[in-house]
Amino acid sequence: MPGIQRNNNLNLDTIVIGLLSGIIVPIITFLIVYFIMSGSQTLNEYLQRLIDRNIQGHFISISVIPNLLIFFIFIWLYKMKAARGVLLSTFLWAFLILAIRLFG
């Protein structure tokens, strides 16, 4: 129709996109580490082993490292709101790690 423009471009520059990617990427990273290091253990056995050794915070910290790459990709693409979302999710992961270390 004349006079109406449709914008079919997906807007990736939102805090929600950054927040979701900053939460999902560490989970995927953790699962990759699990598949590489678990041997024949189930996920529950692997998680229990981490808890028994009190090193679950360390593995979460390692899993959050790829957020740095996602953050810089959003910066290089000039997606500043999405970069803020990744930063926010990284802070949420940091609070989780702090809670585990203090109370776990």
PDB file of N, CA and C in Angstrom:
ATOM      1  N   MET A   1       0.841  -1.180   0.000  1.00  0.00           N
ATOM      2  CA  MET A   1       0.000   0.000   0.000  1.00  0.00           C
ATOM      3  C   MET A   1       0.881   1.236   0.000  1.00  0.00           C
ATOM      4  N   PRO A   2       0.471   2.223  -0.744  1.00  0.00           N
ATOM      5  CA  PRO A   2       1.259   3.449  -0.774  1.00  0.00           C
ATOM      6  C   PRO A   2       1.196   4.154   0.584  1.00  0.00           C
ATOM      7  N   GLY A   3       2.319   4.738   0.946  1.00  0.00           N
ATOM      8  CA  GLY A   3       2.369   5.518   2.185  1.00  0.00           C
ATOM      9  C   GLY A   3       2.686   4.705   3.426  1.00  0.00           C
ATOM     10  N   ILE A   4       2.619   3.377   3.327  1.00  0.00           N
ATOM     11  CA  ILE A   4       2.914   2.528   4.480  1.00  0.00           C
ATOM     12  C   ILE A   4       4.196   1.764   4.187  1.00  0.00           C
ATOM     13  N   GLN A   5       5.173   1.956   5.068  1.00  0.00           N
ATOM     14  CA  GLN A   5       6.425   1.230   4.910  1.00  0.00           C
ATOM     15  C   GLN A   5       6.473   0.120   5.946  1.00  0.00           C
ATOM     16  N   ARG A   6       6.862  -1.033   5.490  1.00  0.00           N
ATOM     17  CA  ARG A   6       7.019  -2.159   6.404  1.00  0.00           C
ATOM     18  C   ARG A   6       8.499  -2.324   6.681  1.00  0.00           C
ATOM     19  N   ASN A   7       8.819  -2.442   7.929  1.00  0.00           N
ATOM     20  CA  ASN A   7      10.205  -2.662   8.322  1.00  0.00           C
ATOM     21  C   ASN A   7      10.346  -4.124   8.694  1.00  0.00           C
ATOM     22  N   ASN A   8      10.910  -4.898   7.781  1.00  0.00           N
ATOM     23  CA  ASN A   8      11.074  -6.325   8.016  1.00  0.00           C
ATOM     24  C   ASN A   8      12.395  -6.657   8.689  1.00  0.00           C
ATOM     25  N   ASN A   9      13.205  -5.640   8.976  1.00  0.00           N
ATOM     26  CA  ASN A   9      14.482  -5.884   9.625  1.00  0.00           C
ATOM     27  C   ASN A   9      14.268  -6.249  11.088  1.00  0.00           C
ATOM     28  N   LEU A  10      14.940  -7.283  11.498  1.00  0.00           N
ATOM     29  CA  LEU A  10      14.882  -7.703  12.890  1.00  0.00           C
ATOM     30  C   LEU A  10      15.787  -6.790  13.697  1.00  0.00           C
ATOM     31  N   ASN A  11      15.239  -6.158  14.720  1.00  0.00           N
ATOM     32  CA  ASN A  11      16.018  -5.233  15.534  1.00  0.00           C
ATOM     33  C   ASN A  11      16.764  -6.014  16.600  1.00  0.00           C
ATOM     34  N   LEU A  12      18.078  -6.152  16.426  1.00  0.00           N
ATOM     35  CA  LEU A  12      18.904  -6.865  17.389  1.00  0.00           C
ATOM     36  C   LEU A  12      19.453  -5.946  18.465  1.00  0.00           C
ATOM     37  N   ASP A  13      19.226  -4.654  18.339  1.00  0.00           N
ATOM     38  CA  ASP A  13      19.788  -3.704  19.294  1.00  0.00           C
ATOM     39  C   ASP A  13      18.793  -3.421  20.415  1.00  0.00           C
ATOM     40  N   THR A  14      18.514  -4.447  21.202  1.00  0.00           N
ATOM     41  CA  THR A  14      17.664  -4.280  22.373  1.00  0.00           C
ATOM     42  C   THR A  14      18.351  -4.906  23.582  1.00  0.00           C
ATOM     43  N   ILE A  15      18.020  -4.399  24.731  1.00  0.00           N
ATOM     44  CA  ILE A  15      18.600  -4.944  25.963  1.00  0.00           C
ATOM     45  C   ILE A  15      18.165  -6.394  26.156  1.00  0.00           C
ATOM     46  N   VAL A  16      16.948  -6.713  25.747  1.00  0.00           N
ATOM     47  CA  VAL A  16      16.444  -8.080  25.913  1.00  0.00           C
ATOM     48  C   VAL A  16      17.272  -9.068  25.089  1.00  0.00           C
ATOM     49  N   ILE A  17      17.600  -8.708  23.864  1.00  0.00           N
ATOM     50  CA  ILE A  17      18.435  -9.586  23.024  1.00  0.00           C
ATOM     51  C   ILE A  17      19.788  -9.802  23.680  1.00  0.00           C
ATOM     52  N   GLY A  18      20.398  -8.745  24.173  1.00  0.00           N
ATOM     53  CA  GLY A  18      21.677  -8.864  24.852  1.00  0.00           C
ATOM     54  C   GLY A  18      21.582  -9.681  26.124  1.00  0.00           C
ATOM     55  N   LEU A  19      20.518  -9.461  26.887  1.00  0.00           N
ATOM     56  CA  LEU A  19      20.322 -10.206  28.136  1.00  0.00           C
ATOM     57  C   LEU A  19      20.133 -11.692  27.866  1.00  0.00           C
ATOM     58  N   LEU A  20      19.318 -12.016  26.889  1.00  0.00           N
ATOM     59  CA  LEU A  20      19.090 -13.426  26.555  1.00  0.00           C
ATOM     60  C   LEU A  20      20.358 -14.095  26.033  1.00  0.00           C
ATOM     61  N   SER A  21      21.093 -13.403  25.167  1.00  0.00           N
ATOM     62  CA  SER A  21      22.324 -14.010  24.659  1.00  0.00           C
ATOM     63  C   SER A  21      23.355 -14.148  25.772  1.00  0.00           C
ATOM     64  N   GLY A  22      23.383 -13.202  26.710  1.00  0.00           N
ATOM     65  CA  GLY A  22      24.310 -13.277  27.833  1.00  0.00           C
ATOM     66  C   GLY A  22      23.948 -14.345  28.843  1.00  0.00           C
ATOM     67  N   ILE A  23      22.723 -14.807  28.818  1.00  0.00           N
ATOM     68  CA  ILE A  23      22.308 -15.907  29.695  1.00  0.00           C
ATOM     69  C   ILE A  23      22.462 -17.249  28.982  1.00  0.00           C
ATOM     70  N   ILE A  24      22.117 -17.296  27.717  1.00  0.00           N
ATOM     71  CA  ILE A  24      22.121 -18.560  26.969  1.00  0.00           C
ATOM     72  C   ILE A  24      23.532 -19.027  26.614  1.00  0.00           C
ATOM     73  N   VAL A  25      24.400 -18.106  26.217  1.00  0.00           N
ATOM     74  CA  VAL A  25      25.764 -18.492  25.803  1.00  0.00           C
ATOM     75  C   VAL A  25      26.526 -19.194  26.932  1.00  0.00           C
ATOM     76  N   PRO A  26      26.502 -18.706  28.191  1.00  0.00           N
ATOM     77  CA  PRO A  26      27.186 -19.455  29.250  1.00  0.00           C
ATOM     78  C   PRO A  26      26.585 -20.837  29.517  1.00  0.00           C
ATOM     79  N   ILE A  27      25.281 -20.977  29.357  1.00  0.00           N
ATOM     80  CA  ILE A  27      24.660 -22.289  29.542  1.00  0.00           C
ATOM     81  C   ILE A  27      25.151 -23.250  28.455  1.00  0.00           C
ATOM     82  N   ILE A  28      25.203 -22.775  27.215  1.00  0.00           N
ATOM     83  CA  ILE A  28      25.708 -23.612  26.121  1.00  0.00           C
ATOM     84  C   ILE A  28      27.177 -23.951  26.355  1.00  0.00           C
ATOM     85  N   THR A  29      27.952 -22.976  26.817  1.00  0.00           N
ATOM     86  CA  THR A  29      29.369 -23.216  27.108  1.00  0.00           C
ATOM     87  C   THR A  29      29.518 -24.267  28.197  1.00  0.00           C
ATOM     88  N   PHE A  30      28.699 -24.177  29.243  1.00  0.00           N
ATOM     89  CA  PHE A  30      28.754 -25.167  30.314  1.00  0.00           C
ATOM     90  C   PHE A  30      28.427 -26.557  29.784  1.00  0.00           C
ATOM     91  N   LEU A  31      27.431 -26.648  28.919  1.00  0.00           N
ATOM     92  CA  LEU A  31      27.064 -27.952  28.358  1.00  0.00           C
ATOM     93  C   LEU A  31      28.188 -28.509  27.478  1.00  0.00           C
ATOM     94  N   ILE A  32      28.880 -27.645  26.748  1.00  0.00           N
ATOM     95  CA  ILE A  32      30.016 -28.106  25.944  1.00  0.00           C
ATOM     96  C   ILE A  32      31.113 -28.641  26.856  1.00  0.00           C
ATOM     97  N   VAL A  33      31.400 -27.917  27.944  1.00  0.00           N
ATOM     98  CA  VAL A  33      32.407 -28.385  28.907  1.00  0.00           C
ATOM     99  C   VAL A  33      31.959 -29.708  29.519  1.00  0.00           C
ATOM    100  N   TYR A  34      30.683 -29.831  29.818  1.00  0.00           N
ATOM    101  CA  TYR A  34      30.148 -31.083  30.367  1.00  0.00           C
ATOM    102  C   TYR A  34      30.377 -32.238  29.400  1.00  0.00           C
ATOM    103  N   PHE A  35      30.041 -32.060  28.130  1.00  0.00           N
ATOM    104  CA  PHE A  35      30.195 -33.145  27.164  1.00  0.00           C
ATOM    105  C   PHE A  35      31.660 -33.524  26.954  1.00  0.00           C
ATOM    106  N   ILE A  36      32.556 -32.561  27.075  1.00  0.00           N
ATOM    107  CA  ILE A  36      33.979 -32.852  26.896  1.00  0.00           C
ATOM    108  C   ILE A  36      34.564 -33.550  28.119  1.00  0.00           C
ATOM    109  N   MET A  37      34.175 -33.121  29.330  1.00  0.00           N
ATOM    110  CA  MET A  37      34.844 -33.576  30.540  1.00  0.00           C
ATOM    111  C   MET A  37      34.106 -34.647  31.341  1.00  0.00           C
ATOM    112  N   SER A  38      32.873 -34.950  30.994  1.00  0.00           N
ATOM    113  CA  SER A  38      32.062 -35.807  31.861  1.00  0.00           C
ATOM    114  C   SER A  38      32.354 -37.294  31.716  1.00  0.00           C
ATOM    115  N   GLY A  39      32.882 -37.697  30.594  1.00  0.00           N
ATOM    116  CA  GLY A  39      33.057 -39.133  30.390  1.00  0.00           C
ATOM    117  C   GLY A  39      31.704 -39.794  30.213  1.00  0.00           C
ATOM    118  N   SER A  40      31.397 -40.738  31.089  1.00  0.00           N
ATOM    119  CA  SER A  40      30.116 -41.451  30.984  1.00  0.00           C
ATOM    120  C   SER A  40      29.113 -41.013  32.049  1.00  0.00           C
ATOM    121  N   GLN A  41      29.390 -39.903  32.729  1.00  0.00           N
ATOM    122  CA  GLN A  41      28.487 -39.433  33.771  1.00  0.00           C
ATOM    123  C   GLN A  41      27.265 -38.746  33.175  1.00  0.00           C
ATOM    124  N   THR A  42      26.157 -38.868  33.887  1.00  0.00           N
ATOM    125  CA  THR A  42      24.982 -38.103  33.500  1.00  0.00           C
ATOM    126  C   THR A  42      25.175 -36.662  33.955  1.00  0.00           C
ATOM    127  N   LEU A  43      24.322 -35.782  33.480  1.00  0.00           N
ATOM    128  CA  LEU A  43      24.415 -34.381  33.869  1.00  0.00           C
ATOM    129  C   LEU A  43      24.219 -34.229  35.379  1.00  0.00           C
ATOM    130  N   ASN A  44      23.269 -34.977  35.946  1.00  0.00           N
ATOM    131  CA  ASN A  44      23.038 -34.899  37.395  1.00  0.00           C
ATOM    132  C   ASN A  44      24.256 -35.361  38.177  1.00  0.00           C
ATOM    133  N   GLU A  45      24.881 -36.444  37.746  1.00  0.00           N
ATOM    134  CA  GLU A  45      26.087 -36.928  38.427  1.00  0.00           C
ATOM    135  C   GLU A  45      27.223 -35.915  38.311  1.00  0.00           C
ATOM    136  N   TYR A  46      27.353 -35.326  37.155  1.00  0.00           N
ATOM    137  CA  TYR A  46      28.398 -34.334  36.939  1.00  0.00           C
ATOM    138  C   TYR A  46      28.189 -33.113  37.833  1.00  0.00           C
ATOM    139  N   LEU A  47      26.944 -32.617  37.879  1.00  0.00           N
ATOM    140  CA  LEU A  47      26.639 -31.472  38.732  1.00  0.00           C
ATOM    141  C   LEU A  47      26.855 -31.812  40.201  1.00  0.00           C
ATOM    142  N   GLN A  48      26.472 -33.014  40.609  1.00  0.00           N
ATOM    143  CA  GLN A  48      26.672 -33.425  41.995  1.00  0.00           C
ATOM    144  C   GLN A  48      28.156 -33.497  42.340  1.00  0.00           C
ATOM    145  N   ARG A  49      28.960 -33.956  41.396  1.00  0.00           N
ATOM    146  CA  ARG A  49      30.411 -34.009  41.615  1.00  0.00           C
ATOM    147  C   ARG A  49      30.981 -32.601  41.791  1.00  0.00           C
ATOM    148  N   LEU A  50      30.497 -31.654  40.997  1.00  0.00           N
ATOM    149  CA  LEU A  50      30.942 -30.269  41.145  1.00  0.00           C
ATOM    150  C   LEU A  50      30.551 -29.703  42.503  1.00  0.00           C
ATOM    151  N   ILE A  51      29.344 -30.016  42.932  1.00  0.00           N
ATOM    152  CA  ILE A  51      28.863 -29.529  44.228  1.00  0.00           C
ATOM    153  C   ILE A  51      29.638 -30.180  45.365  1.00  0.00           C
ATOM    154  N   ASP A  52      29.881 -31.489  45.266  1.00  0.00           N
ATOM    155  CA  ASP A  52      30.638 -32.187  46.312  1.00  0.00           C
ATOM    156  C   ASP A  52      32.042 -31.620  46.467  1.00  0.00           C
ATOM    157  N   ARG A  53      32.658 -31.267  45.368  1.00  0.00           N
ATOM    158  CA  ARG A  53      34.012 -30.707  45.411  1.00  0.00           C
ATOM    159  C   ARG A  53      34.007 -29.197  45.654  1.00  0.00           C
ATOM    160  N   ASN A  54      32.818 -28.602  45.710  1.00  0.00           N
ATOM    161  CA  ASN A  54      32.636 -27.168  45.946  1.00  0.00           C
ATOM    162  C   ASN A  54      33.349 -26.322  44.874  1.00  0.00           C
ATOM    163  N   ILE A  55      33.219 -26.738  43.623  1.00  0.00           N
ATOM    164  CA  ILE A  55      33.852 -26.011  42.523  1.00  0.00           C
ATOM    165  C   ILE A  55      32.843 -25.567  41.461  1.00  0.00           C
ATOM    166  N   GLN A  56      31.558 -25.601  41.793  1.00  0.00           N
ATOM    167  CA  GLN A  56      30.552 -25.207  40.807  1.00  0.00           C
ATOM    168  C   GLN A  56      30.684 -23.738  40.426  1.00  0.00           C
ATOM    169  N   GLY A  57      31.098 -22.891  41.371  1.00  0.00           N
ATOM    170  CA  GLY A  57      31.301 -21.477  41.063  1.00  0.00           C
ATOM    171  C   GLY A  57      32.410 -21.262  40.055  1.00  0.00           C
ATOM    172  N   HIS A  58      33.450 -22.069  40.146  1.00  0.00           N
ATOM    173  CA  HIS A  58      34.559 -21.965  39.196  1.00  0.00           C
ATOM    174  C   HIS A  58      34.107 -22.324  37.781  1.00  0.00           C
ATOM    175  N   PHE A  59      33.312 -23.370  37.660  1.00  0.00           N
ATOM    176  CA  PHE A  59      32.845 -23.775  36.334  1.00  0.00           C
ATOM    177  C   PHE A  59      31.866 -22.765  35.751  1.00  0.00           C
ATOM    178  N   ILE A  60      31.054 -22.144  36.599  1.00  0.00           N
ATOM    179  CA  ILE A  60      30.158 -21.094  36.107  1.00  0.00           C
ATOM    180  C   ILE A  60      30.989 -19.902  35.640  1.00  0.00           C
ATOM    181  N   SER A  61      32.030 -19.551  36.400  1.00  0.00           N
ATOM    182  CA  SER A  61      32.901 -18.435  36.009  1.00  0.00           C
ATOM    183  C   SER A  61      33.538 -18.682  34.651  1.00  0.00           C
ATOM    184  N   ILE A  62      34.014 -19.883  34.424  1.00  0.00           N
ATOM    185  CA  ILE A  62      34.624 -20.225  33.139  1.00  0.00           C
ATOM    186  C   ILE A  62      33.585 -20.158  32.015  1.00  0.00           C
ATOM    187  N   SER A  63      32.366 -20.562  32.319  1.00  0.00           N
ATOM    188  CA  SER A  63      31.316 -20.563  31.304  1.00  0.00           C
ATOM    189  C   SER A  63      30.885 -19.155  30.899  1.00  0.00           C
ATOM    190  N   VAL A  64      31.117 -18.171  31.752  1.00  0.00           N
ATOM    191  CA  VAL A  64      30.700 -16.796  31.457  1.00  0.00           C
ATOM    192  C   VAL A  64      31.720 -16.071  30.583  1.00  0.00           C
ATOM    193  N   ILE A  65      32.919 -16.587  30.453  1.00  0.00           N
ATOM    194  CA  ILE A  65      33.971 -15.931  29.672  1.00  0.00           C
ATOM    195  C   ILE A  65      33.545 -15.632  28.227  1.00  0.00           C
ATOM    196  N   PRO A  66      32.816 -16.513  27.540  1.00  0.00           N
ATOM    197  CA  PRO A  66      32.399 -16.173  26.171  1.00  0.00           C
ATOM    198  C   PRO A  66      31.497 -14.941  26.068  1.00  0.00           C
ATOM    199  N   ASN A  67      30.914 -14.506  27.198  1.00  0.00           N
ATOM    200  CA  ASN A  67      30.132 -13.268  27.164  1.00  0.00           C
ATOM    201  C   ASN A  67      30.991 -12.084  26.743  1.00  0.00           C
ATOM    202  N   LEU A  68      32.288 -12.145  27.030  1.00  0.00           N
ATOM    203  CA  LEU A  68      33.190 -11.085  26.605  1.00  0.00           C
ATOM    204  C   LEU A  68      33.202 -10.975  25.084  1.00  0.00           C
ATOM    205  N   LEU A  69      33.261 -12.106  24.412  1.00  0.00           N
ATOM    206  CA  LEU A  69      33.238 -12.121  22.951  1.00  0.00           C
ATOM    207  C   LEU A  69      31.913 -11.577  22.422  1.00  0.00           C
ATOM    208  N   ILE A  70      30.803 -12.015  23.004  1.00  0.00           N
ATOM    209  CA  ILE A  70      29.477 -11.543  22.574  1.00  0.00           C
ATOM    210  C   ILE A  70      29.370 -10.032  22.790  1.00  0.00           C
ATOM    211  N   PHE A  71      29.867  -9.554  23.943  1.00  0.00           N
ATOM    212  CA  PHE A  71      29.857  -8.126  24.250  1.00  0.00           C
ATOM    213  C   PHE A  71      30.604  -7.337  23.180  1.00  0.00           C
ATOM    214  N   PHE A  72      31.813  -7.778  22.835  1.00  0.00           N
ATOM    215  CA  PHE A  72      32.598  -7.053  21.841  1.00  0.00           C
ATOM    216  C   PHE A  72      31.996  -7.155  20.441  1.00  0.00           C
ATOM    217  N   ILE A  73      31.372  -8.264  20.121  1.00  0.00           N
ATOM    218  CA  ILE A  73      30.689  -8.359  18.817  1.00  0.00           C
ATOM    219  C   ILE A  73      29.579  -7.318  18.730  1.00  0.00           C
ATOM    220  N   PHE A  74      28.789  -7.183  19.788  1.00  0.00           N
ATOM    221  CA  PHE A  74      27.734  -6.162  19.779  1.00  0.00           C
ATOM    222  C   PHE A  74      28.330  -4.752  19.710  1.00  0.00           C
ATOM    223  N   ILE A  75      29.440  -4.522  20.392  1.00  0.00           N
ATOM    224  CA  ILE A  75      30.093  -3.208  20.327  1.00  0.00           C
ATOM    225  C   ILE A  75      30.569  -2.927  18.899  1.00  0.00           C
ATOM    226  N   TRP A  76      31.236  -3.908  18.275  1.00  0.00           N
ATOM    227  CA  TRP A  76      31.740  -3.714  16.911  1.00  0.00           C
ATOM    228  C   TRP A  76      30.617  -3.501  15.905  1.00  0.00           C
ATOM    229  N   LEU A  77      29.445  -4.068  16.179  1.00  0.00           N
ATOM    230  CA  LEU A  77      28.295  -3.896  15.288  1.00  0.00           C
ATOM    231  C   LEU A  77      27.459  -2.664  15.641  1.00  0.00           C
ATOM    232  N   TYR A  78      27.936  -1.881  16.596  1.00  0.00           N
ATOM    233  CA  TYR A  78      27.241  -0.682  17.074  1.00  0.00           C
ATOM    234  C   TYR A  78      25.851  -1.001  17.632  1.00  0.00           C
ATOM    235  N   LYS A  79      25.737  -2.126  18.291  1.00  0.00           N
ATOM    236  CA  LYS A  79      24.493  -2.526  18.963  1.00  0.00           C
ATOM    237  C   LYS A  79      24.689  -2.280  20.456  1.00  0.00           C
ATOM    238  N   MET A  80      24.644  -1.002  20.850  1.00  0.00           N
ATOM    239  CA  MET A  80      25.004  -0.617  22.214  1.00  0.00           C
ATOM    240  C   MET A  80      23.992  -1.102  23.251  1.00  0.00           C
ATOM    241  N   LYS A  81      22.725  -1.107  22.911  1.00  0.00           N
ATOM    242  CA  LYS A  81      21.724  -1.600  23.864  1.00  0.00           C
ATOM    243  C   LYS A  81      21.894  -3.093  24.103  1.00  0.00           C
ATOM    244  N   ALA A  82      22.172  -3.836  23.059  1.00  0.00           N
ATOM    245  CA  ALA A  82      22.406  -5.275  23.217  1.00  0.00           C
ATOM    246  C   ALA A  82      23.669  -5.521  24.043  1.00  0.00           C
ATOM    247  N   ALA A  83      24.702  -4.709  23.841  1.00  0.00           N
ATOM    248  CA  ALA A  83      25.924  -4.838  24.639  1.00  0.00           C
ATOM    249  C   ALA A  83      25.623  -4.572  26.109  1.00  0.00           C
ATOM    250  N   ARG A  84      24.757  -3.613  26.388  1.00  0.00           N
ATOM    251  CA  ARG A  84      24.349  -3.357  27.778  1.00  0.00           C
ATOM    252  C   ARG A  84      23.620  -4.559  28.361  1.00  0.00           C
ATOM    253  N   GLY A  85      22.811  -5.219  27.548  1.00  0.00           N
ATOM    254  CA  GLY A  85      22.107  -6.412  28.016  1.00  0.00           C
ATOM    255  C   GLY A  85      23.072  -7.533  28.370  1.00  0.00           C
ATOM    256  N   VAL A  86      24.121  -7.710  27.557  1.00  0.00           N
ATOM    257  CA  VAL A  86      25.136  -8.725  27.859  1.00  0.00           C
ATOM    258  C   VAL A  86      25.853  -8.364  29.157  1.00  0.00           C
ATOM    259  N   LEU A  87      26.165  -7.089  29.319  1.00  0.00           N
ATOM    260  CA  LEU A  87      26.817  -6.643  30.548  1.00  0.00           C
ATOM    261  C   LEU A  87      25.920  -6.888  31.757  1.00  0.00           C
ATOM    262  N   LEU A  88      24.626  -6.611  31.617  1.00  0.00           N
ATOM    263  CA  LEU A  88      23.672  -6.863  32.701  1.00  0.00           C
ATOM    264  C   LEU A  88      23.625  -8.349  33.050  1.00  0.00           C
ATOM    265  N   SER A  89      23.575  -9.209  32.048  1.00  0.00           N
ATOM    266  CA  SER A  89      23.530 -10.646  32.317  1.00  0.00           C
ATOM    267  C   SER A  89      24.824 -11.122  32.970  1.00  0.00           C
ATOM    268  N   THR A  90      25.947 -10.514  32.600  1.00  0.00           N
ATOM    269  CA  THR A  90      27.217 -10.877  33.218  1.00  0.00           C
ATOM    270  C   THR A  90      27.215 -10.504  34.697  1.00  0.00           C
ATOM    271  N   PHE A  91      26.641  -9.358  35.025  1.00  0.00           N
ATOM    272  CA  PHE A  91      26.495  -8.990  36.431  1.00  0.00           C
ATOM    273  C   PHE A  91      25.581  -9.962  37.172  1.00  0.00           C
ATOM    274  N   LEU A  92      24.511 -10.416  36.515  1.00  0.00           N
ATOM    275  CA  LEU A  92      23.626 -11.405  37.148  1.00  0.00           C
ATOM    276  C   LEU A  92      24.374 -12.705  37.422  1.00  0.00           C
ATOM    277  N   TRP A  93      25.190 -13.142  36.464  1.00  0.00           N
ATOM    278  CA  TRP A  93      26.008 -14.343  36.679  1.00  0.00           C
ATOM    279  C   TRP A  93      26.986 -14.114  37.833  1.00  0.00           C
ATOM    280  N   ALA A  94      27.562 -12.906  37.903  1.00  0.00           N
ATOM    281  CA  ALA A  94      28.511 -12.609  38.986  1.00  0.00           C
ATOM    282  C   ALA A  94      27.823 -12.665  40.346  1.00  0.00           C
ATOM    283  N   PHE A  95      26.603 -12.156  40.434  1.00  0.00           N
ATOM    284  CA  PHE A  95      25.860 -12.238  41.700  1.00  0.00           C
ATOM    285  C   PHE A  95      25.538 -13.682  42.062  1.00  0.00           C
ATOM    286  N   LEU A  96      25.237 -14.512  41.059  1.00  0.00           N
ATOM    287  CA  LEU A  96      24.993 -15.926  41.315  1.00  0.00           C
ATOM    288  C   LEU A  96      26.254 -16.602  41.850  1.00  0.00           C
ATOM    289  N   ILE A  97      27.383 -16.305  41.241  1.00  0.00           N
ATOM    290  CA  ILE A  97      28.656 -16.886  41.690  1.00  0.00           C
ATOM    291  C   ILE A  97      28.982 -16.418  43.107  1.00  0.00           C
ATOM    292  N   LEU A  98      28.745 -15.154  43.384  1.00  0.00           N
ATOM    293  CA  LEU A  98      28.975 -14.631  44.731  1.00  0.00           C
ATOM    294  C   LEU A  98      28.089 -15.319  45.744  1.00  0.00           C
ATOM    295  N   ALA A  99      26.826 -15.526  45.400  1.00  0.00           N
ATOM    296  CA  ALA A  99      25.891 -16.214  46.312  1.00  0.00           C
ATOM    297  C   ALA A  99      26.329 -17.646  46.554  1.00  0.00           C
ATOM    298  N   ILE A 100      26.793 -18.329  45.508  1.00  0.00           N
ATOM    299  CA  ILE A 100      27.263 -19.702  45.672  1.00  0.00           C
ATOM    300  C   ILE A 100      28.472 -19.751  46.591  1.00  0.00           C
ATOM    301  N   ARG A 101      29.377 -18.810  46.410  1.00  0.00           N
ATOM    302  CA  ARG A 101      30.589 -18.801  47.237  1.00  0.00           C
ATOM    303  C   ARG A 101      30.300 -18.404  48.678  1.00  0.00           C
ATOM    304  N   LEU A 102      29.326 -17.532  48.906  1.00  0.00           N
ATOM    305  CA  LEU A 102      29.015 -17.127  50.261  1.00  0.00           C
ATOM    306  C   LEU A 102      28.147 -18.126  51.002  1.00  0.00           C
ATOM    307  N   PHE A 103      27.150 -18.680  50.307  1.00  0.00           N
ATOM    308  CA  PHE A 103      26.163 -19.516  50.968  1.00  0.00           C
ATOM    309  C   PHE A 103      26.242 -20.985  50.591  1.00  0.00           C
ATOM    310  N   GLY A 104      27.019 -21.336  49.575  1.00  0.00           N
ATOM    311  CA  GLY A 104      27.011 -22.701  49.087  1.00  0.00           C
ATOM    312  C   GLY A 104      28.161 -23.495  49.462  1.00  0.00           C
TER     313      GLY A 104
END
